[in-house]
Amino acid sequence: MRQAIHHLNVKTRTRGLTDISREVRDFVREQRIRMGLLTLFCRHTSASLLIQENADPSVRRDLERYFETIAPEDPQRYEHGIEGPDDMPAHLRTALTHTQLSVPVEHGEPVLGTWQGIYLFEHRRVAHTREVVLHLIGE
């Protein structure tokens, strides 16, 4: 049994979904582990991870609009506001999604469906560099 770890830095421009599938696939291929389990962990409380539709960009736009309705920027709604009006909604959005994903690896590739991609979901309005830790274990 072997394992490998990598810290992937993802630059975001604004709120929304950033496809990290290629970087994840590249890491898995480089490790030459044929069968195992890949864990991805986002080290932030205002960004998250999703496996989502990768063919039609309207799905991602609809997701972003939906999260704006369930966790809007409204300083009147929240006590926490020290880091700006987009911070507390970002924490709520992260609480409703995932900071950790597990993806099986088979034949040296992440096992994703035909229309699935792996995304970092930025919940803040300004650009950030987010860190996603990739841990692969297998043989």
N, C-alpha and C. Protein backbone atom coordinates (compact mmCIF):
# COMPACT_ATOMS: atom_id res chain seq x y z
N MET A 1 0.86 -1.18 0.00
CA MET A 1 0.00 0.00 0.00
C MET A 1 0.90 1.23 0.00
N ARG A 2 0.59 2.15 -0.90
CA ARG A 2 1.33 3.42 -0.97
C ARG A 2 0.36 4.57 -0.75
N GLN A 3 0.94 5.72 -0.39
CA GLN A 3 0.12 6.92 -0.29
C GLN A 3 0.93 8.14 -0.70
N ALA A 4 0.21 9.17 -1.11
CA ALA A 4 0.84 10.41 -1.54
C ALA A 4 -0.06 11.57 -1.13
N ILE A 5 0.56 12.72 -0.94
CA ILE A 5 -0.19 13.91 -0.56
C ILE A 5 0.32 15.09 -1.38
N HIS A 6 -0.60 15.99 -1.69
CA HIS A 6 -0.25 17.18 -2.48
C HIS A 6 -1.13 18.34 -2.03
N HIS A 7 -0.55 19.53 -1.94
CA HIS A 7 -1.30 20.74 -1.61
C HIS A 7 -1.51 21.51 -2.92
N LEU A 8 -2.75 21.57 -3.37
CA LEU A 8 -3.11 22.23 -4.62
C LEU A 8 -3.59 23.64 -4.29
N ASN A 9 -2.93 24.64 -4.86
CA ASN A 9 -3.35 26.03 -4.69
C ASN A 9 -4.23 26.42 -5.86
N VAL A 10 -5.42 26.92 -5.54
CA VAL A 10 -6.40 27.28 -6.55
C VAL A 10 -6.68 28.78 -6.44
N LYS A 11 -6.43 29.49 -7.53
CA LYS A 11 -6.71 30.93 -7.56
C LYS A 11 -8.13 31.14 -8.06
N THR A 12 -8.90 31.89 -7.26
CA THR A 12 -10.26 32.23 -7.66
C THR A 12 -10.31 33.72 -8.00
N ARG A 13 -11.26 34.09 -8.84
CA ARG A 13 -11.41 35.51 -9.20
C ARG A 13 -12.53 36.17 -8.42
N THR A 14 -13.59 35.42 -8.22
CA THR A 14 -14.76 35.92 -7.52
C THR A 14 -15.59 34.72 -7.10
N ARG A 15 -16.75 34.96 -6.56
CA ARG A 15 -17.66 33.89 -6.16
C ARG A 15 -17.98 33.01 -7.37
N GLY A 16 -18.01 31.68 -7.13
CA GLY A 16 -18.38 30.77 -8.21
C GLY A 16 -17.58 29.50 -8.19
N LEU A 17 -17.81 28.67 -9.20
CA LEU A 17 -17.21 27.35 -9.30
C LEU A 17 -15.98 27.37 -10.20
N THR A 18 -14.87 26.81 -9.70
CA THR A 18 -13.63 26.68 -10.45
C THR A 18 -13.36 25.20 -10.65
N ASP A 19 -13.26 24.77 -11.89
CA ASP A 19 -13.02 23.37 -12.22
C ASP A 19 -11.58 23.01 -11.90
N ILE A 20 -11.39 22.01 -11.02
CA ILE A 20 -10.04 21.54 -10.66
C ILE A 20 -9.84 20.09 -11.11
N SER A 21 -10.71 19.60 -11.96
CA SER A 21 -10.66 18.19 -12.39
C SER A 21 -9.32 17.84 -13.04
N ARG A 22 -8.83 18.69 -13.93
CA ARG A 22 -7.58 18.39 -14.64
C ARG A 22 -6.42 18.26 -13.67
N GLU A 23 -6.30 19.20 -12.73
CA GLU A 23 -5.21 19.16 -11.75
C GLU A 23 -5.30 17.92 -10.87
N VAL A 24 -6.52 17.53 -10.51
CA VAL A 24 -6.72 16.33 -9.70
C VAL A 24 -6.32 15.08 -10.49
N ARG A 25 -6.77 14.98 -11.75
CA ARG A 25 -6.40 13.84 -12.59
C ARG A 25 -4.89 13.75 -12.78
N ASP A 26 -4.26 14.90 -13.01
CA ASP A 26 -2.80 14.92 -13.20
C ASP A 26 -2.08 14.38 -11.97
N PHE A 27 -2.51 14.80 -10.78
CA PHE A 27 -1.90 14.32 -9.54
C PHE A 27 -2.05 12.80 -9.43
N VAL A 28 -3.25 12.29 -9.67
CA VAL A 28 -3.50 10.84 -9.55
C VAL A 28 -2.63 10.08 -10.55
N ARG A 29 -2.57 10.53 -11.79
CA ARG A 29 -1.76 9.85 -12.80
C ARG A 29 -0.28 9.82 -12.42
N GLU A 30 0.23 10.94 -11.92
CA GLU A 30 1.65 11.02 -11.54
C GLU A 30 2.02 10.03 -10.44
N GLN A 31 1.08 9.65 -9.60
CA GLN A 31 1.37 8.76 -8.47
C GLN A 31 1.46 7.30 -8.90
N ARG A 32 0.92 6.97 -10.06
CA ARG A 32 0.95 5.60 -10.59
C ARG A 32 0.33 4.59 -9.60
N ILE A 33 -0.68 5.05 -8.90
CA ILE A 33 -1.47 4.16 -8.05
C ILE A 33 -2.68 3.72 -8.88
N ARG A 34 -2.80 2.44 -9.12
CA ARG A 34 -3.82 1.90 -10.01
C ARG A 34 -5.20 1.82 -9.37
N MET A 35 -5.24 1.46 -8.07
CA MET A 35 -6.52 1.32 -7.38
C MET A 35 -6.38 1.88 -5.98
N GLY A 36 -7.33 2.70 -5.58
CA GLY A 36 -7.25 3.28 -4.25
C GLY A 36 -8.37 4.27 -3.99
N LEU A 37 -8.09 5.19 -3.10
CA LEU A 37 -9.07 6.20 -2.71
C LEU A 37 -8.38 7.56 -2.62
N LEU A 38 -8.98 8.53 -3.28
CA LEU A 38 -8.50 9.90 -3.25
C LEU A 38 -9.41 10.71 -2.34
N THR A 39 -8.81 11.40 -1.39
CA THR A 39 -9.55 12.32 -0.53
C THR A 39 -9.10 13.73 -0.87
N LEU A 40 -10.06 14.62 -1.02
CA LEU A 40 -9.78 16.04 -1.24
C LEU A 40 -10.32 16.81 -0.05
N PHE A 41 -9.54 17.75 0.47
CA PHE A 41 -9.96 18.52 1.64
C PHE A 41 -9.66 20.00 1.40
N CYS A 42 -10.68 20.83 1.50
CA CYS A 42 -10.55 22.28 1.35
C CYS A 42 -10.29 22.88 2.73
N ARG A 43 -9.17 23.59 2.86
CA ARG A 43 -8.74 24.11 4.16
C ARG A 43 -9.30 25.51 4.46
N HIS A 44 -10.58 25.72 4.16
CA HIS A 44 -11.17 27.05 4.34
C HIS A 44 -12.60 26.93 4.84
N THR A 45 -13.07 27.99 5.50
CA THR A 45 -14.45 28.00 6.00
C THR A 45 -15.37 28.85 5.14
N SER A 46 -14.84 29.39 4.05
CA SER A 46 -15.69 30.18 3.15
C SER A 46 -15.52 29.75 1.69
N ALA A 47 -15.12 28.49 1.52
CA ALA A 47 -15.05 27.86 0.20
C ALA A 47 -15.31 26.37 0.42
N SER A 48 -15.73 25.68 -0.62
CA SER A 48 -16.06 24.26 -0.45
C SER A 48 -15.76 23.49 -1.73
N LEU A 49 -16.07 22.21 -1.71
CA LEU A 49 -15.82 21.32 -2.84
C LEU A 49 -17.13 20.70 -3.30
N LEU A 50 -17.26 20.53 -4.62
CA LEU A 50 -18.45 19.88 -5.19
C LEU A 50 -18.04 18.98 -6.34
N ILE A 51 -18.75 17.88 -6.48
CA ILE A 51 -18.73 17.11 -7.73
C ILE A 51 -20.03 17.49 -8.42
N GLN A 52 -19.90 18.01 -9.66
CA GLN A 52 -21.07 18.57 -10.30
C GLN A 52 -20.97 18.42 -11.82
N GLU A 53 -22.05 18.72 -12.49
CA GLU A 53 -22.18 18.72 -13.95
C GLU A 53 -21.01 19.48 -14.58
N ASN A 54 -20.36 18.88 -15.59
CA ASN A 54 -19.24 19.56 -16.23
C ASN A 54 -19.47 19.88 -17.70
N ALA A 55 -20.66 19.58 -18.22
CA ALA A 55 -20.91 19.80 -19.65
C ALA A 55 -21.64 21.11 -19.91
N ASP A 56 -22.68 21.39 -19.17
CA ASP A 56 -23.50 22.57 -19.42
C ASP A 56 -23.23 23.64 -18.36
N PRO A 57 -22.60 24.75 -18.74
CA PRO A 57 -22.27 25.79 -17.76
C PRO A 57 -23.48 26.44 -17.11
N SER A 58 -24.67 26.29 -17.70
CA SER A 58 -25.85 26.88 -17.08
C SER A 58 -26.17 26.23 -15.74
N VAL A 59 -25.77 24.97 -15.56
CA VAL A 59 -25.97 24.29 -14.27
C VAL A 59 -25.19 25.02 -13.19
N ARG A 60 -23.95 25.37 -13.47
CA ARG A 60 -23.12 26.07 -12.49
C ARG A 60 -23.68 27.46 -12.20
N ARG A 61 -24.13 28.15 -13.23
CA ARG A 61 -24.72 29.48 -13.01
C ARG A 61 -25.98 29.38 -12.16
N ASP A 62 -26.81 28.36 -12.43
CA ASP A 62 -28.02 28.17 -11.62
C ASP A 62 -27.67 27.85 -10.17
N LEU A 63 -26.66 27.03 -9.94
CA LEU A 63 -26.23 26.73 -8.57
C LEU A 63 -25.79 28.00 -7.85
N GLU A 64 -25.01 28.82 -8.52
CA GLU A 64 -24.54 30.06 -7.91
C GLU A 64 -25.71 30.97 -7.56
N ARG A 65 -26.68 31.11 -8.47
CA ARG A 65 -27.85 31.94 -8.20
C ARG A 65 -28.68 31.38 -7.05
N TYR A 66 -28.81 30.06 -7.00
CA TYR A 66 -29.58 29.43 -5.91
C TYR A 66 -28.96 29.75 -4.56
N PHE A 67 -27.64 29.61 -4.46
CA PHE A 67 -26.98 29.89 -3.18
C PHE A 67 -27.08 31.36 -2.80
N GLU A 68 -27.18 32.25 -3.77
CA GLU A 68 -27.40 33.66 -3.47
C GLU A 68 -28.76 33.87 -2.82
N THR A 69 -29.74 33.04 -3.17
CA THR A 69 -31.08 33.22 -2.58
C THR A 69 -31.17 32.62 -1.18
N ILE A 70 -30.47 31.51 -0.91
CA ILE A 70 -30.60 30.90 0.41
C ILE A 70 -29.63 31.48 1.44
N ALA A 71 -28.57 32.14 0.97
CA ALA A 71 -27.62 32.79 1.88
C ALA A 71 -27.21 34.14 1.28
N PRO A 72 -28.16 35.09 1.27
CA PRO A 72 -27.88 36.38 0.62
C PRO A 72 -26.98 37.27 1.48
N GLU A 73 -26.36 38.22 0.80
CA GLU A 73 -25.61 39.25 1.52
C GLU A 73 -26.63 40.24 2.05
N ASP A 74 -26.80 40.27 3.34
CA ASP A 74 -27.73 41.19 3.98
C ASP A 74 -27.25 41.42 5.41
N PRO A 75 -26.53 42.51 5.65
CA PRO A 75 -25.96 42.76 6.99
C PRO A 75 -27.01 42.77 8.11
N GLN A 76 -28.27 43.01 7.78
CA GLN A 76 -29.33 43.01 8.79
C GLN A 76 -29.64 41.61 9.31
N ARG A 77 -29.30 40.57 8.54
CA ARG A 77 -29.63 39.19 8.90
C ARG A 77 -28.64 38.53 9.84
N TYR A 78 -27.38 39.04 9.87
CA TYR A 78 -26.30 38.31 10.54
C TYR A 78 -25.62 39.16 11.60
N GLU A 79 -25.22 38.52 12.66
CA GLU A 79 -24.43 39.16 13.70
C GLU A 79 -22.97 39.29 13.25
N HIS A 80 -22.42 38.23 12.66
CA HIS A 80 -21.01 38.22 12.23
C HIS A 80 -20.85 39.05 10.97
N GLY A 81 -19.99 40.05 11.02
CA GLY A 81 -19.76 40.88 9.85
C GLY A 81 -18.39 41.52 9.83
N ILE A 82 -17.50 41.08 10.71
CA ILE A 82 -16.17 41.69 10.86
C ILE A 82 -15.38 41.66 9.56
N GLU A 83 -15.51 40.59 8.77
CA GLU A 83 -14.71 40.44 7.55
C GLU A 83 -15.43 40.91 6.30
N GLY A 84 -16.55 41.57 6.45
CA GLY A 84 -17.28 42.10 5.31
C GLY A 84 -18.64 41.45 5.13
N PRO A 85 -19.50 42.06 4.32
CA PRO A 85 -20.87 41.58 4.18
C PRO A 85 -20.99 40.24 3.45
N ASP A 86 -19.93 39.81 2.75
CA ASP A 86 -20.01 38.52 2.05
C ASP A 86 -19.48 37.36 2.89
N ASP A 87 -18.94 37.65 4.09
CA ASP A 87 -18.29 36.59 4.88
C ASP A 87 -19.29 35.62 5.53
N MET A 88 -20.27 36.12 6.24
CA MET A 88 -21.22 35.21 6.89
C MET A 88 -22.02 34.39 5.88
N PRO A 89 -22.50 34.99 4.78
CA PRO A 89 -23.14 34.14 3.76
C PRO A 89 -22.20 33.06 3.23
N ALA A 90 -20.90 33.37 3.12
CA ALA A 90 -19.93 32.38 2.66
C ALA A 90 -19.83 31.23 3.65
N HIS A 91 -19.85 31.52 4.95
CA HIS A 91 -19.81 30.45 5.95
C HIS A 91 -21.07 29.58 5.86
N LEU A 92 -22.22 30.19 5.65
CA LEU A 92 -23.46 29.42 5.51
C LEU A 92 -23.41 28.51 4.28
N ARG A 93 -22.91 29.02 3.18
CA ARG A 93 -22.82 28.23 1.95
C ARG A 93 -21.87 27.05 2.13
N THR A 94 -20.77 27.28 2.84
CA THR A 94 -19.84 26.18 3.11
C THR A 94 -20.51 25.13 4.00
N ALA A 95 -21.28 25.58 4.99
CA ALA A 95 -21.96 24.63 5.88
C ALA A 95 -22.96 23.75 5.12
N LEU A 96 -23.50 24.26 4.03
CA LEU A 96 -24.49 23.52 3.25
C LEU A 96 -23.87 22.64 2.16
N THR A 97 -22.57 22.76 1.95
CA THR A 97 -21.90 21.96 0.93
C THR A 97 -20.86 21.07 1.63
N HIS A 98 -19.69 20.88 1.03
CA HIS A 98 -18.70 19.96 1.59
C HIS A 98 -17.32 20.60 1.58
N THR A 99 -16.53 20.31 2.60
CA THR A 99 -15.12 20.70 2.57
C THR A 99 -14.25 19.48 2.30
N GLN A 100 -14.87 18.29 2.22
CA GLN A 100 -14.11 17.06 1.97
C GLN A 100 -14.89 16.17 1.01
N LEU A 101 -14.16 15.58 0.05
CA LEU A 101 -14.74 14.62 -0.89
C LEU A 101 -13.88 13.38 -0.93
N SER A 102 -14.48 12.25 -1.21
CA SER A 102 -13.76 11.00 -1.44
C SER A 102 -14.13 10.50 -2.82
N VAL A 103 -13.11 10.14 -3.62
CA VAL A 103 -13.33 9.67 -4.97
C VAL A 103 -12.53 8.38 -5.16
N PRO A 104 -13.17 7.30 -5.58
CA PRO A 104 -12.42 6.07 -5.85
C PRO A 104 -11.46 6.27 -7.02
N VAL A 105 -10.38 5.50 -7.00
CA VAL A 105 -9.42 5.49 -8.10
C VAL A 105 -9.37 4.07 -8.64
N GLU A 106 -9.53 3.96 -9.96
CA GLU A 106 -9.49 2.66 -10.62
C GLU A 106 -8.72 2.82 -11.94
N HIS A 107 -7.83 1.89 -12.22
CA HIS A 107 -7.00 1.95 -13.43
C HIS A 107 -6.22 3.26 -13.50
N GLY A 108 -5.80 3.77 -12.34
CA GLY A 108 -4.98 4.97 -12.29
C GLY A 108 -5.71 6.28 -12.56
N GLU A 109 -7.05 6.26 -12.51
CA GLU A 109 -7.86 7.45 -12.79
C GLU A 109 -8.93 7.63 -11.73
N PRO A 110 -9.26 8.89 -11.38
CA PRO A 110 -10.43 9.11 -10.51
C PRO A 110 -11.68 8.58 -11.20
N VAL A 111 -12.54 7.90 -10.47
CA VAL A 111 -13.76 7.33 -11.03
C VAL A 111 -14.87 8.38 -10.91
N LEU A 112 -15.07 9.08 -12.03
CA LEU A 112 -16.13 10.09 -12.11
C LEU A 112 -17.09 9.71 -13.22
N GLY A 113 -18.32 10.15 -13.09
CA GLY A 113 -19.30 9.90 -14.13
C GLY A 113 -19.00 10.71 -15.38
N THR A 114 -19.66 10.36 -16.47
CA THR A 114 -19.43 11.01 -17.76
C THR A 114 -19.55 12.52 -17.68
N TRP A 115 -20.52 13.01 -16.93
CA TRP A 115 -20.78 14.45 -16.88
C TRP A 115 -20.36 15.07 -15.56
N GLN A 116 -19.44 14.43 -14.83
CA GLN A 116 -19.02 14.96 -13.53
C GLN A 116 -17.65 15.62 -13.60
N GLY A 117 -17.53 16.72 -12.88
CA GLY A 117 -16.26 17.40 -12.69
C GLY A 117 -16.10 17.72 -11.21
N ILE A 118 -14.87 18.00 -10.80
CA ILE A 118 -14.59 18.37 -9.41
C ILE A 118 -14.34 19.87 -9.38
N TYR A 119 -15.05 20.55 -8.48
CA TYR A 119 -15.01 22.01 -8.43
C TYR A 119 -14.69 22.52 -7.03
N LEU A 120 -13.90 23.60 -7.00
CA LEU A 120 -13.79 24.41 -5.79
C LEU A 120 -14.89 25.46 -5.91
N PHE A 121 -15.69 25.59 -4.87
CA PHE A 121 -16.80 26.54 -4.88
C PHE A 121 -16.40 27.72 -3.99
N GLU A 122 -16.01 28.81 -4.61
CA GLU A 122 -15.63 30.02 -3.87
C GLU A 122 -16.90 30.75 -3.45
N HIS A 123 -16.99 31.09 -2.16
CA HIS A 123 -18.19 31.74 -1.65
C HIS A 123 -17.98 33.21 -1.33
N ARG A 124 -16.77 33.72 -1.53
CA ARG A 124 -16.50 35.15 -1.29
C ARG A 124 -16.45 35.88 -2.63
N ARG A 125 -16.68 37.20 -2.61
CA ARG A 125 -16.69 38.01 -3.83
C ARG A 125 -15.30 38.33 -4.37
N VAL A 126 -14.31 38.43 -3.50
CA VAL A 126 -12.97 38.86 -3.94
C VAL A 126 -12.10 37.65 -4.26
N ALA A 127 -11.03 37.90 -5.00
CA ALA A 127 -10.10 36.84 -5.38
C ALA A 127 -9.39 36.27 -4.15
N HIS A 128 -9.17 34.98 -4.17
CA HIS A 128 -8.45 34.28 -3.10
C HIS A 128 -7.56 33.21 -3.73
N THR A 129 -6.58 32.78 -2.97
CA THR A 129 -5.85 31.56 -3.30
C THR A 129 -6.28 30.54 -2.26
N ARG A 130 -6.96 29.51 -2.70
CA ARG A 130 -7.49 28.48 -1.81
C ARG A 130 -6.60 27.25 -1.87
N GLU A 131 -6.49 26.56 -0.75
CA GLU A 131 -5.67 25.35 -0.69
C GLU A 131 -6.56 24.13 -0.56
N VAL A 132 -6.35 23.18 -1.45
CA VAL A 132 -7.04 21.90 -1.42
C VAL A 132 -5.98 20.82 -1.24
N VAL A 133 -6.11 20.03 -0.19
CA VAL A 133 -5.15 18.96 0.07
C VAL A 133 -5.68 17.69 -0.59
N LEU A 134 -4.83 17.07 -1.40
CA LEU A 134 -5.17 15.82 -2.07
C LEU A 134 -4.38 14.70 -1.39
N HIS A 135 -5.07 13.68 -0.94
CA HIS A 135 -4.42 12.53 -0.30
C HIS A 135 -4.88 11.28 -1.04
N LEU A 136 -3.92 10.52 -1.56
CA LEU A 136 -4.22 9.32 -2.33
C LEU A 136 -3.59 8.13 -1.64
N ILE A 137 -4.39 7.09 -1.44
CA ILE A 137 -3.88 5.86 -0.84
C ILE A 137 -4.33 4.70 -1.72
N GLY A 138 -3.44 3.75 -1.93
CA GLY A 138 -3.79 2.59 -2.75
C GLY A 138 -2.56 1.82 -3.19
N GLU A 139 -2.76 1.04 -4.25
CA GLU A 139 -1.65 0.23 -4.77
C GLU A 139 -1.69 0.19 -6.28
